[in-house]
Amino acid sequence: MTTDTADKLIWTLIYGGLLLASLGIFVRRDHEPIGWTIIALGALATTVGAVLVYVRSRMKDGAVATESTPRRTP
């Protein structure tokens, strides 16, 4: 996974999860179990996005590197 793909996935999960959780708050007024389910899914998506922020911070910029040291040319 490249860093660009991770960035897009992170913000989609965070903002989508927050939007879903706020939708669940409004749905909860009419249907309690469905509302709590939507809130839980939104919280889960937001949490996964937050964990991916940490994973992204540990990645190197650009594509995933296969070697830890660069090659020397003679």
N, C-alpha and C. Protein backbone atom coordinates (compact mmCIF):
# COMPACT_ATOMS: atom_id res chain seq x y z
N MET A 1 0.84 -1.16 0.00
CA MET A 1 0.00 0.00 0.00
C MET A 1 0.90 1.24 0.00
N THR A 2 0.63 2.15 -0.89
CA THR A 2 1.41 3.37 -0.93
C THR A 2 0.87 4.38 0.08
N THR A 3 1.66 5.40 0.35
CA THR A 3 1.24 6.40 1.32
C THR A 3 0.05 7.22 0.81
N ASP A 4 -0.03 7.43 -0.49
CA ASP A 4 -1.17 8.18 -1.05
C ASP A 4 -2.47 7.41 -0.85
N THR A 5 -2.43 6.11 -1.07
CA THR A 5 -3.62 5.28 -0.86
C THR A 5 -4.01 5.26 0.61
N ALA A 6 -3.02 5.18 1.48
CA ALA A 6 -3.30 5.18 2.92
C ALA A 6 -3.93 6.49 3.36
N ASP A 7 -3.43 7.61 2.84
CA ASP A 7 -3.99 8.92 3.19
C ASP A 7 -5.46 9.02 2.79
N LYS A 8 -5.77 8.59 1.59
CA LYS A 8 -7.16 8.65 1.13
C LYS A 8 -8.07 7.76 1.98
N LEU A 9 -7.59 6.57 2.29
CA LEU A 9 -8.38 5.63 3.09
C LEU A 9 -8.58 6.15 4.52
N ILE A 10 -7.54 6.75 5.09
CA ILE A 10 -7.62 7.28 6.45
C ILE A 10 -8.72 8.32 6.55
N TRP A 11 -8.67 9.33 5.69
CA TRP A 11 -9.63 10.43 5.82
C TRP A 11 -11.04 10.00 5.42
N THR A 12 -11.15 9.06 4.51
CA THR A 12 -12.48 8.54 4.17
C THR A 12 -13.08 7.81 5.37
N LEU A 13 -12.29 7.01 6.06
CA LEU A 13 -12.80 6.29 7.23
C LEU A 13 -13.13 7.23 8.38
N ILE A 14 -12.27 8.21 8.63
CA ILE A 14 -12.51 9.11 9.76
C ILE A 14 -13.75 9.95 9.52
N TYR A 15 -13.81 10.64 8.39
CA TYR A 15 -14.95 11.52 8.14
C TYR A 15 -16.23 10.72 7.89
N GLY A 16 -16.13 9.61 7.19
CA GLY A 16 -17.29 8.76 6.96
C GLY A 16 -17.82 8.17 8.26
N GLY A 17 -16.92 7.76 9.14
CA GLY A 17 -17.33 7.22 10.43
C GLY A 17 -18.00 8.26 11.31
N LEU A 18 -17.48 9.47 11.31
CA LEU A 18 -18.11 10.53 12.10
C LEU A 18 -19.48 10.90 11.54
N LEU A 19 -19.59 10.92 10.23
CA LEU A 19 -20.88 11.20 9.61
C LEU A 19 -21.89 10.10 9.92
N LEU A 20 -21.45 8.86 9.87
CA LEU A 20 -22.33 7.74 10.17
C LEU A 20 -22.76 7.75 11.65
N ALA A 21 -21.84 8.08 12.54
CA ALA A 21 -22.19 8.15 13.96
C ALA A 21 -23.20 9.26 14.23
N SER A 22 -23.04 10.40 13.57
CA SER A 22 -24.02 11.48 13.78
C SER A 22 -25.37 11.10 13.18
N LEU A 23 -25.38 10.38 12.08
CA LEU A 23 -26.65 9.89 11.53
C LEU A 23 -27.32 8.93 12.51
N GLY A 24 -26.52 8.08 13.15
CA GLY A 24 -27.06 7.15 14.13
C GLY A 24 -27.70 7.85 15.32
N ILE A 25 -27.17 9.00 15.70
CA ILE A 25 -27.76 9.76 16.80
C ILE A 25 -29.17 10.21 16.45
N PHE A 26 -29.37 10.64 15.20
CA PHE A 26 -30.70 11.07 14.79
C PHE A 26 -31.66 9.90 14.60
N VAL A 27 -31.16 8.78 14.10
CA VAL A 27 -32.00 7.60 13.90
C VAL A 27 -32.41 7.00 15.25
N ARG A 28 -31.55 7.13 16.25
CA ARG A 28 -31.80 6.56 17.58
C ARG A 28 -33.08 7.11 18.22
N ARG A 29 -33.48 8.31 17.83
CA ARG A 29 -34.70 8.90 18.39
C ARG A 29 -35.94 8.09 18.03
N ASP A 30 -35.96 7.50 16.83
CA ASP A 30 -37.12 6.73 16.39
C ASP A 30 -36.96 5.23 16.61
N HIS A 31 -35.76 4.70 16.33
CA HIS A 31 -35.51 3.26 16.45
C HIS A 31 -34.20 3.07 17.23
N GLU A 32 -34.35 2.78 18.49
CA GLU A 32 -33.19 2.68 19.39
C GLU A 32 -32.15 1.64 18.94
N PRO A 33 -32.54 0.39 18.65
CA PRO A 33 -31.51 -0.60 18.28
C PRO A 33 -30.79 -0.28 16.97
N ILE A 34 -31.53 0.19 15.99
CA ILE A 34 -30.90 0.53 14.70
C ILE A 34 -29.96 1.72 14.87
N GLY A 35 -30.39 2.70 15.66
CA GLY A 35 -29.55 3.87 15.91
C GLY A 35 -28.24 3.51 16.57
N TRP A 36 -28.30 2.65 17.60
CA TRP A 36 -27.08 2.24 18.28
C TRP A 36 -26.17 1.43 17.36
N THR A 37 -26.75 0.64 16.48
CA THR A 37 -25.95 -0.13 15.53
C THR A 37 -25.21 0.80 14.57
N ILE A 38 -25.90 1.82 14.09
CA ILE A 38 -25.27 2.78 13.17
C ILE A 38 -24.17 3.56 13.90
N ILE A 39 -24.43 3.94 15.15
CA ILE A 39 -23.42 4.64 15.93
C ILE A 39 -22.19 3.76 16.13
N ALA A 40 -22.41 2.49 16.43
CA ALA A 40 -21.28 1.56 16.65
C ALA A 40 -20.46 1.38 15.37
N LEU A 41 -21.13 1.27 14.24
CA LEU A 41 -20.40 1.14 12.97
C LEU A 41 -19.59 2.39 12.66
N GLY A 42 -20.18 3.54 12.92
CA GLY A 42 -19.46 4.80 12.71
C GLY A 42 -18.25 4.93 13.62
N ALA A 43 -18.43 4.53 14.88
CA ALA A 43 -17.31 4.58 15.82
C ALA A 43 -16.21 3.60 15.42
N LEU A 44 -16.60 2.44 14.92
CA LEU A 44 -15.62 1.46 14.46
C LEU A 44 -14.83 1.99 13.27
N ALA A 45 -15.51 2.59 12.31
CA ALA A 45 -14.82 3.14 11.14
C ALA A 45 -13.87 4.27 11.54
N THR A 46 -14.30 5.12 12.46
CA THR A 46 -13.44 6.20 12.94
C THR A 46 -12.22 5.66 13.67
N THR A 47 -12.40 4.61 14.46
CA THR A 47 -11.29 4.00 15.18
C THR A 47 -10.29 3.36 14.23
N VAL A 48 -10.79 2.68 13.21
CA VAL A 48 -9.89 2.08 12.21
C VAL A 48 -9.10 3.17 11.49
N GLY A 49 -9.75 4.29 11.17
CA GLY A 49 -9.05 5.41 10.55
C GLY A 49 -7.97 5.97 11.45
N ALA A 50 -8.25 6.07 12.75
CA ALA A 50 -7.27 6.58 13.70
C ALA A 50 -6.08 5.63 13.83
N VAL A 51 -6.34 4.33 13.81
CA VAL A 51 -5.24 3.35 13.87
C VAL A 51 -4.40 3.45 12.60
N LEU A 52 -5.05 3.67 11.47
CA LEU A 52 -4.30 3.82 10.22
C LEU A 52 -3.44 5.08 10.20
N VAL A 53 -3.81 6.10 10.96
CA VAL A 53 -2.95 7.28 11.09
C VAL A 53 -1.62 6.87 11.70
N TYR A 54 -1.67 6.02 12.72
CA TYR A 54 -0.43 5.52 13.33
C TYR A 54 0.36 4.66 12.34
N VAL A 55 -0.33 3.77 11.63
CA VAL A 55 0.35 2.92 10.65
C VAL A 55 1.00 3.78 9.57
N ARG A 56 0.29 4.82 9.12
CA ARG A 56 0.83 5.71 8.10
C ARG A 56 2.05 6.46 8.61
N SER A 57 2.07 6.80 9.89
CA SER A 57 3.22 7.52 10.44
C SER A 57 4.47 6.64 10.47
N ARG A 58 4.29 5.34 10.48
CA ARG A 58 5.43 4.43 10.50
C ARG A 58 5.91 4.05 9.10
N MET A 59 5.14 4.41 8.06
CA MET A 59 5.51 4.07 6.68
C MET A 59 6.51 5.09 6.15
N LYS A 60 7.34 4.64 5.21
CA LYS A 60 8.24 5.55 4.52
C LYS A 60 7.48 6.21 3.39
N ASP A 61 7.91 7.40 3.00
CA ASP A 61 7.24 8.10 1.90
C ASP A 61 7.46 7.35 0.59
N GLY A 62 6.49 7.43 -0.29
CA GLY A 62 6.56 6.76 -1.58
C GLY A 62 6.09 5.32 -1.47
N ALA A 63 6.55 4.50 -2.38
CA ALA A 63 6.15 3.09 -2.40
C ALA A 63 6.81 2.35 -1.25
N VAL A 64 6.30 1.19 -0.98
CA VAL A 64 6.85 0.37 0.10
C VAL A 64 8.26 -0.08 -0.30
N ALA A 65 9.22 0.19 0.56
CA ALA A 65 10.61 -0.15 0.27
C ALA A 65 10.84 -1.64 0.52
N THR A 66 11.63 -2.27 -0.35
CA THR A 66 11.93 -3.69 -0.19
C THR A 66 13.28 -3.88 0.49
N GLU A 67 14.16 -2.89 0.43
CA GLU A 67 15.46 -2.97 1.07
C GLU A 67 15.61 -1.82 2.05
N SER A 68 16.32 -2.08 3.15
CA SER A 68 16.48 -1.03 4.15
C SER A 68 17.64 -0.09 3.84
N THR A 69 18.64 -0.57 3.07
CA THR A 69 19.77 0.29 2.73
C THR A 69 19.88 0.40 1.23
N PRO A 70 20.24 1.58 0.73
CA PRO A 70 20.38 1.72 -0.72
C PRO A 70 21.63 1.00 -1.24
N ARG A 71 21.59 0.62 -2.50
CA ARG A 71 22.73 -0.07 -3.11
C ARG A 71 23.80 0.94 -3.50
N ARG A 72 25.04 0.51 -3.38
CA ARG A 72 26.15 1.35 -3.79
C ARG A 72 26.62 0.91 -5.16
N THR A 73 26.94 1.86 -5.98
CA THR A 73 27.49 1.53 -7.30
C THR A 73 29.00 1.74 -7.26
N PRO A 74 29.76 0.81 -7.84
CA PRO A 74 31.24 0.93 -7.77
C PRO A 74 31.78 2.05 -8.62
